[in-house]
Amino acid sequence: MNAPHDTHDVHDVRLPLAFITPGLEVRLAGLGDEIDARQREQLIAYGLTENRPLRVLQQKPMTVVLTEEVELALEHSVARFIWVVGGAI
């Protein structure tokens, strides 16, 4: 008899962007409500939209991600409220 298994893949777990190891590629799951409306609009204008693939380039001194051809540097106070899936800490 086969044991039941969890249908959730570790890659479906939402994590804050600030916790992702540099070098990993993740997919944007959403922007947290903690990010104010003006900053949210700026992030979307820079290409941070849902399901967008992001490659984390560095975490110190700031979180730096590459999305398509755009490199973005984000303060940790913002990156911790950007939710992603597909990476590991």
Protein backbone atom coordinates (compact mmCIF):
# COMPACT_ATOMS: atom_id res chain seq x y z
CA MET A 1 0.00 0.00 0.00
CA ASN A 2 1.39 3.41 -0.97
CA ALA A 3 1.65 6.05 1.73
CA PRO A 4 -0.16 9.30 1.05
CA HIS A 5 2.13 12.12 0.02
CA ASP A 6 1.96 15.85 0.35
CA THR A 7 0.90 17.47 -2.92
CA HIS A 8 2.73 20.73 -2.12
CA ASP A 9 6.09 21.02 -3.78
CA VAL A 10 8.82 22.96 -1.96
CA HIS A 11 8.91 25.19 -5.06
CA ASP A 12 5.32 26.32 -4.35
CA VAL A 13 6.17 27.76 -0.94
CA ARG A 14 6.02 31.57 -0.82
CA LEU A 15 9.15 33.14 0.63
CA PRO A 16 10.29 36.74 1.02
CA LEU A 17 12.69 37.81 -1.73
CA ALA A 18 15.12 39.00 0.97
CA PHE A 19 15.62 35.35 2.07
CA ILE A 20 16.58 33.92 -1.34
CA THR A 21 20.17 32.81 -1.89
CA PRO A 22 22.04 34.77 -4.58
CA GLY A 23 22.31 32.85 -7.85
CA LEU A 24 18.84 31.32 -7.64
CA GLU A 25 15.99 32.06 -10.01
CA VAL A 26 12.52 32.55 -8.55
CA ARG A 27 9.12 33.67 -9.77
CA LEU A 28 7.31 36.69 -8.33
CA ALA A 29 4.21 35.58 -6.41
CA GLY A 30 3.06 39.00 -5.21
CA LEU A 31 3.80 42.26 -3.50
CA GLY A 32 2.87 42.48 0.17
CA ASP A 33 0.34 45.00 1.44
CA GLU A 34 3.15 46.48 3.57
CA ILE A 35 4.58 48.15 0.44
CA ASP A 36 2.96 51.57 0.01
CA ALA A 37 0.93 52.32 -3.12
CA ARG A 38 3.45 54.69 -4.71
CA GLN A 39 6.34 52.26 -4.28
CA ARG A 40 4.15 49.38 -5.54
CA GLU A 41 3.45 51.35 -8.74
CA GLN A 42 7.18 51.99 -9.21
CA LEU A 43 8.02 48.30 -8.73
CA ILE A 44 5.38 47.29 -11.27
CA ALA A 45 6.69 49.92 -13.72
CA TYR A 46 10.17 48.38 -13.37
CA GLY A 47 8.76 44.98 -14.34
CA LEU A 48 8.06 43.35 -10.98
CA THR A 49 4.78 41.75 -11.96
CA GLU A 50 3.20 38.48 -10.88
CA ASN A 51 4.79 35.33 -12.32
CA ARG A 52 7.80 37.29 -13.59
CA PRO A 53 11.04 35.29 -13.32
CA LEU A 54 13.73 36.96 -11.21
CA ARG A 55 17.36 36.00 -10.73
CA VAL A 56 18.76 37.04 -7.36
CA LEU A 57 22.22 38.52 -7.90
CA GLN A 58 23.09 39.60 -4.35
CA GLN A 59 21.60 40.18 -0.90
CA LYS A 60 24.20 42.46 0.71
CA PRO A 61 24.31 45.36 1.13
CA MET A 62 21.01 45.42 -0.81
CA THR A 63 18.90 42.83 -2.59
CA VAL A 64 19.71 42.99 -6.30
CA VAL A 65 17.61 41.11 -8.86
CA LEU A 66 17.67 40.74 -12.61
CA THR A 67 14.34 40.67 -14.42
CA GLU A 68 14.70 40.29 -18.17
CA GLU A 69 17.22 43.04 -19.00
CA VAL A 70 16.64 45.21 -15.92
CA GLU A 71 18.79 45.03 -12.79
CA LEU A 72 17.02 46.36 -9.67
CA ALA A 73 18.52 47.15 -6.27
CA LEU A 74 16.00 46.93 -3.44
CA GLU A 75 16.29 47.80 0.22
CA HIS A 76 15.76 44.82 2.53
CA SER A 77 12.81 46.67 4.08
CA VAL A 78 11.09 46.31 0.68
CA ALA A 79 12.52 42.94 -0.42
CA ARG A 80 11.16 41.23 2.68
CA PHE A 81 7.61 42.06 1.52
CA ILE A 82 8.08 40.83 -2.05
CA TRP A 83 6.85 37.23 -2.15
CA VAL A 84 8.42 34.70 -4.49
CA VAL A 85 8.20 30.97 -5.26
CA GLY A 86 10.63 28.54 -6.81
CA GLY A 87 13.80 29.17 -4.80
CA ALA A 88 15.33 27.92 -1.61
CA ILE A 89 16.93 29.67 1.33
